[in-house]
Every structure is written in C-alpha cells, then in structure tokens.
Protein backbone atom coordinates (compact mmCIF):
# COMPACT_ATOMS: atom_id res chain seq x y z
CA UNK A 1 13.68 19.75 -20.48
CA UNK A 2 15.32 17.40 -17.78
CA UNK A 3 12.63 16.05 -15.52
CA UNK A 4 12.39 12.98 -13.15
CA UNK A 5 10.85 10.09 -15.24
CA UNK A 6 9.90 6.87 -13.86
CA UNK A 7 9.63 4.06 -16.40
CA UNK A 8 8.22 0.69 -16.17
CA UNK A 9 6.51 -2.15 -18.85
CA UNK A 10 4.48 -4.91 -17.39
CA UNK A 11 5.93 -8.63 -17.50
CA UNK A 12 4.18 -11.02 -19.63
CA UNK A 13 1.59 -8.50 -20.91
CA UNK A 14 1.65 -10.41 -24.58
CA UNK A 15 0.65 -13.92 -23.04
CA UNK A 16 -2.10 -11.66 -20.45
CA UNK A 17 -3.70 -10.62 -23.98
CA UNK A 18 -2.95 -13.39 -26.02
CA UNK A 19 -4.49 -16.15 -23.49
CA UNK A 20 -7.32 -14.45 -22.21
CA UNK A 21 -10.86 -12.66 -23.13
CA UNK A 22 -11.46 -9.47 -23.21
CA UNK A 23 -13.70 -8.97 -20.37
CA UNK A 24 -10.45 -10.16 -17.63
CA UNK A 25 -8.83 -7.69 -19.87
CA UNK A 26 -11.11 -5.03 -18.86
CA UNK A 27 -11.23 -6.06 -15.04
CA UNK A 28 -7.46 -6.42 -14.40
CA UNK A 29 -6.31 -3.29 -16.46
CA UNK A 30 -8.86 -1.39 -14.25
CA UNK A 31 -7.31 -2.81 -10.86
CA UNK A 32 -4.02 -1.44 -12.28
CA UNK A 33 -5.44 1.78 -12.87
CA UNK A 34 -6.46 2.16 -9.40
CA UNK A 35 -3.01 1.06 -8.06
CA UNK A 36 -1.59 3.36 -9.65
CA UNK A 37 -4.12 5.88 -8.76
CA UNK A 38 -3.35 4.99 -5.31
CA UNK A 39 0.12 5.35 -5.75
CA UNK A 40 -0.36 8.83 -6.90
CA UNK A 41 -2.77 9.92 -4.45
CA UNK A 42 -0.37 12.03 -2.16
CA UNK A 43 -2.95 13.60 0.18
CA UNK A 44 -4.91 10.53 1.15
CA UNK A 45 -7.76 11.97 0.07
CA UNK A 46 -10.76 10.27 -1.94
CA UNK A 47 -14.15 11.35 -3.78
CA UNK A 48 -17.60 10.15 -4.33
CA UNK A 49 -18.63 9.84 -7.86
CA UNK A 50 -22.37 9.84 -8.53
CA UNK A 51 -22.82 6.26 -8.76
CA UNK A 52 -21.81 6.36 -4.99
CA UNK A 53 -18.01 4.80 -5.58
CA UNK A 54 -15.44 6.33 -4.19
CA UNK A 55 -11.96 7.12 -5.98
CA UNK A 56 -8.77 8.80 -5.38
CA UNK A 57 -9.21 12.18 -5.15
CA UNK A 58 -6.26 13.25 -7.60
CA UNK A 59 -7.11 17.28 -7.79
CA UNK A 60 -3.65 18.44 -6.65
CA UNK A 61 -1.29 15.66 -7.82
CA UNK A 62 2.10 16.18 -8.81
CA UNK A 63 3.25 13.44 -10.44
CA UNK A 64 1.47 12.99 -14.49
CA UNK A 65 0.60 9.52 -15.68
CA UNK A 66 0.52 7.95 -18.94
CA UNK A 67 -0.04 4.32 -20.30
CA UNK A 68 0.40 3.02 -23.91
CA UNK A 69 0.26 -0.37 -24.24
CA UNK A 70 2.61 -2.58 -21.70
CA UNK A 71 4.25 0.83 -20.79
CA UNK A 72 3.25 3.14 -17.86
CA UNK A 73 5.53 6.78 -17.34
CA UNK A 74 4.76 8.86 -14.53
CA UNK A 75 7.22 12.48 -14.79
CA UNK A 76 6.91 15.82 -13.07
CA UNK A 77 6.49 19.27 -14.62
CA UNK A 78 9.63 20.66 -13.32
CA UNK A 79 12.61 19.22 -11.15
CA UNK A 80 12.05 20.25 -7.83
CA UNK A 81 13.14 18.34 -4.34
CA UNK A 82 9.29 18.67 -3.19
CA UNK A 83 8.43 17.02 -7.33
CA UNK A 84 10.82 14.44 -6.57
CA UNK A 85 9.84 13.26 -3.11
CA UNK A 86 6.45 13.05 -4.67
CA UNK A 87 7.53 10.54 -8.00
CA UNK A 88 9.99 8.64 -5.50
CA UNK A 89 7.18 8.09 -3.32
CA UNK A 90 4.37 7.13 -6.13
CA UNK A 91 7.60 5.04 -8.01
CA UNK A 92 8.05 3.01 -4.31
CA UNK A 93 4.04 2.24 -4.16
CA UNK A 94 3.44 1.48 -7.57
CA UNK A 95 6.86 -1.21 -7.21
CA UNK A 96 5.58 -3.21 -4.30
CA UNK A 97 2.03 -2.87 -5.14
CA UNK A 98 2.30 -3.82 -8.77
CA UNK A 99 4.92 -6.48 -8.20
CA UNK A 100 3.42 -7.48 -4.72
CA UNK A 101 -0.27 -8.05 -5.70
CA UNK A 102 -0.75 -7.32 -9.15
CA UNK A 103 1.32 -7.93 -12.51
CA UNK A 104 5.34 -7.80 -12.41
CA UNK A 105 6.70 -4.70 -13.86
CA UNK A 106 10.27 -3.72 -13.99
CA UNK A 107 11.49 -0.29 -14.62
CA UNK A 108 13.88 2.55 -13.45
CA UNK A 109 13.52 6.39 -11.99
CA UNK A 110 15.71 8.50 -13.81
CA UNK A 111 16.40 12.58 -14.39
CA UNK A 112 16.12 13.14 -18.17
CA UNK A 113 15.23 14.80 -21.09
CA UNK A 114 11.62 14.67 -21.65
CA UNK A 115 9.01 16.61 -23.78
CA UNK A 116 5.19 16.17 -23.57
CA UNK A 117 2.35 17.47 -26.44
CA UNK A 118 -1.72 17.19 -26.16
CA UNK A 119 -3.53 18.79 -28.77
CA UNK A 120 -7.55 18.57 -29.23
CA UNK A 121 -8.41 19.27 -32.60
CA UNK A 122 -12.00 20.97 -33.33
CA UNK A 123 -13.27 18.14 -35.07
CA UNK A 124 -14.67 15.11 -32.95
CA UNK A 125 -11.82 11.83 -32.22
CA UNK A 126 -8.69 13.91 -33.26
CA UNK A 127 -6.54 14.15 -30.49
CA UNK A 128 -2.37 14.08 -29.91
CA UNK A 129 -1.23 12.79 -26.73
CA UNK A 130 2.75 12.39 -27.45
CA UNK A 131 6.12 12.43 -25.58
CA UNK A 132 9.93 12.55 -27.11
CA UNK A 133 12.72 13.23 -25.79
CA UNK A 134 16.06 11.20 -25.17
CA UNK A 135 15.10 10.40 -22.00
CA UNK A 136 12.72 8.17 -22.60
CA UNK A 137 15.15 5.78 -25.31
CA UNK A 138 17.64 5.58 -21.70
CA UNK A 139 14.47 4.83 -19.44
CA UNK A 140 13.67 2.00 -21.88
CA UNK A 141 16.66 0.57 -22.38
CA UNK A 142 17.59 0.85 -18.87
CA UNK A 143 14.12 -0.96 -18.02
CA UNK A 144 14.41 -3.15 -20.76
CA UNK A 145 17.57 -4.59 -19.66
CA UNK A 146 16.95 -5.62 -16.15
CA UNK A 147 16.50 -9.54 -15.70
CA UNK A 148 13.88 -9.06 -12.63
CA UNK A 149 10.70 -7.80 -11.66
CA UNK A 150 11.69 -4.68 -9.85
CA UNK A 151 12.83 -0.88 -10.26
CA UNK A 152 15.92 1.26 -9.30
CA UNK A 153 16.80 4.80 -8.42
CA UNK A 154 19.46 5.81 -11.73
CA UNK A 155 22.55 7.96 -10.58
CA UNK A 156 21.44 10.18 -12.71
CA UNK A 157 18.82 11.49 -10.05
CA UNK A 158 21.68 12.61 -7.98
CA UNK A 159 22.78 15.56 -10.47
CA UNK A 160 19.82 17.53 -8.65
CA UNK A 161 19.00 15.71 -5.59
CA UNK A 162 20.91 14.21 -2.40
CA UNK A 163 20.66 11.16 -0.60
CA UNK A 164 18.56 11.98 2.16
CA UNK A 165 16.44 9.54 4.72
CA UNK A 166 13.29 9.31 2.61
CA UNK A 167 15.47 7.59 -0.38
CA UNK A 168 17.32 5.29 1.84
CA UNK A 169 13.81 4.40 3.42
CA UNK A 170 12.59 3.24 0.25
CA UNK A 171 15.78 1.95 -1.33
CA UNK A 172 18.61 -0.41 -0.68
CA UNK A 173 22.07 -0.91 -2.30
CA UNK A 174 21.79 -3.95 -4.38
CA UNK A 175 23.72 -5.75 -7.18
CA UNK A 176 20.56 -5.76 -9.39
CA UNK A 177 20.27 -8.23 -12.68
CA UNK A 178 20.92 -7.27 -16.15
CA UNK A 179 20.85 -9.23 -19.44
CA UNK A 180 24.33 -8.33 -19.83
CA UNK A 181 26.09 -7.52 -16.83
CA UNK A 182 25.19 -7.06 -12.85
CA UNK A 183 25.36 -3.39 -11.62
CA UNK A 184 25.04 -1.99 -8.10
CA UNK A 185 22.18 0.63 -7.63
CA UNK A 186 19.82 1.64 -5.27
CA UNK A 187 17.01 -0.74 -5.64
CA UNK A 188 13.39 -0.22 -4.32
CA UNK A 189 12.09 -2.29 -1.64
CA UNK A 190 9.79 -4.33 -2.45
CA UNK A 191 8.49 -4.81 1.03
CA UNK A 192 9.38 -3.30 4.26
CA UNK A 193 10.17 -5.65 7.58
CA UNK A 194 10.58 -9.01 5.78
CA UNK A 195 11.43 -11.64 8.16
CA UNK A 196 11.84 -15.19 7.50
CA UNK A 197 8.31 -16.04 7.95
CA UNK A 198 7.11 -12.88 5.14
CA UNK A 199 9.59 -13.79 3.08
CA UNK A 200 8.15 -17.49 2.11
CA UNK A 201 4.70 -15.74 2.15
CA UNK A 202 6.33 -12.87 -0.14
CA UNK A 203 7.69 -15.50 -2.34
CA UNK A 204 4.88 -17.68 -2.90
CA UNK A 205 2.58 -14.34 -4.01
CA UNK A 206 5.83 -13.49 -5.93
CA UNK A 207 5.46 -16.87 -8.12
CA UNK A 208 1.68 -16.63 -8.35
CA UNK A 209 1.95 -12.80 -9.37
CA UNK A 210 3.97 -14.04 -12.56
CA UNK A 211 2.00 -17.15 -13.43
CA UNK A 212 -1.45 -15.26 -13.08
CA UNK A 213 -4.04 -14.84 -15.53
CA UNK A 214 -1.93 -17.26 -18.08
CA UNK A 215 1.56 -15.03 -18.35
CA UNK A 216 3.70 -17.83 -17.59
CA UNK A 217 6.19 -19.33 -20.13
CA UNK A 218 8.01 -21.85 -19.33
CA UNK A 219 11.23 -20.46 -20.27
CA UNK A 220 14.84 -19.92 -19.15
CA UNK A 221 14.49 -16.28 -19.32
CA UNK A 222 11.07 -15.91 -17.57
CA UNK A 223 12.55 -18.22 -14.96
CA UNK A 224 15.72 -15.90 -14.73
CA UNK A 225 13.20 -13.14 -13.91
CA UNK A 226 11.31 -14.99 -11.26
CA UNK A 227 14.21 -16.52 -9.24
CA UNK A 228 16.23 -13.24 -9.77
CA UNK A 229 12.90 -10.91 -7.63
CA UNK A 230 13.02 -13.85 -5.28
CA UNK A 231 16.59 -13.64 -4.71
CA UNK A 232 16.05 -9.85 -3.87
CA UNK A 233 13.31 -10.49 -1.14
CA UNK A 234 15.92 -12.62 0.38
CA UNK A 235 17.90 -10.25 0.44
CA UNK A 236 15.71 -7.85 2.26
CA UNK A 237 15.80 -10.19 5.25
CA UNK A 238 15.79 -8.27 8.78
CA UNK A 239 17.44 -5.20 6.13
C-alpha cells in the first residue's frame, strides 16, 4: 500500500563509528533517539520511569519509526490528511534537531509504496522486522543523491494532499542541490526567523555538527555538502 514515508540517513556515520570508541557510539546514538522521540511526541506529554527519569510519552503516536545502521525511516499507517500533518511535523522537527544540534542528515518525505513485516518466533531470539516496497528504493535514491544536509517534501505527496499553511510554515521553495542536477523543491526549513546574527551562529553550529566526533574528511564532496547547507541557511535570512 501507499503511505507517507520519511527517509533520511546520517552523514559521516562510517567515520563516526571507525574513529570513536563504543562508549561514545552509545551516548551519541542514545541522544539521537531522544531527538527523534521528541519529534514524534505530538502531545508534548512525558512519563516517568521507575528510576525517576522522564521520557517522551509516545503511547498514542501517529508516526512509526525504525532505524537500521545509518538509515532512519518514519512512516504512517495510512494516507489521511491527519497522518500527513503528523509526519510533516515530525520530519520538520527531525530536520532542525538533527542538523542543528546533533548529527547532519539528508532525506525526503514522499508518498509511495511501503510494506512492513513483523514476527516474533516462539524460540527466543527469533524476530523479523523488515520493510519492502518500491517506496524505499525511490526514497533512498532521492536522499542519497542530495549534496547537502537537509530534507525536502517530494511532489508525490501532492497526489494525496494540497499545499496549505502548515506546509508553507515549515517548507520553502528552494533549488535543492543534487549530485547530477539541481531541482526546485519544497525544502524543510532548518530554522525559523533567520537574521544576519542568527545566520552567523547557525553557520558555526552547522560546521561544528559536520566535524564533531571525528566525522570530518578533507574531501571535496563533503566540503560541498557543508557549503551547500550554509548557503541554504543564508537563503533563509529574513524569509
């Protein structure tokens, strides 16, 4: 069946794993889940664990989430307007949280075919949790071909929904950089209310985000992704 799918991957994940110890891996990946949980927390409610810590209450979440290595997938069960609004909001939050503060990512929100298969066997340790469908290939190709840290709203979603104020608040028309070409798309904003001063601060944070935890390589393609990301931030000034 067709549904709304957000697909994004982590930039520099291989270097992050190879150049750091397992303690840092665990801490950074745990923090990533916290950012994504916060993006999925539509109600803004929290629950207290037995140890006294508070976590996001995702009891009634609309959007599902899975992570495999450097790939993150969000998806809806159906294709209603309400479900689209939920995944649009979650994608927007993931984009600015991850790219602004934690780990650079690139991805896309599309409307396409996705099936999931979940099964736990009677014997311990046997569990199937897999996804398939043309939508995964289409989303992967659209994410992999981008030359920046950012996300965009694919035109396929307009087979089911219309452009409204919620989309226009979170996205902006922009020429997104791809490996083979550039394309006019609805790009998810990395920040709201960007001015000259906040642009300077955001640019510094963006570069730090690319280089943090020994992810950086002095290669032209990575430099281009960083440059293109900062150019998008510059484009957002006073828009």
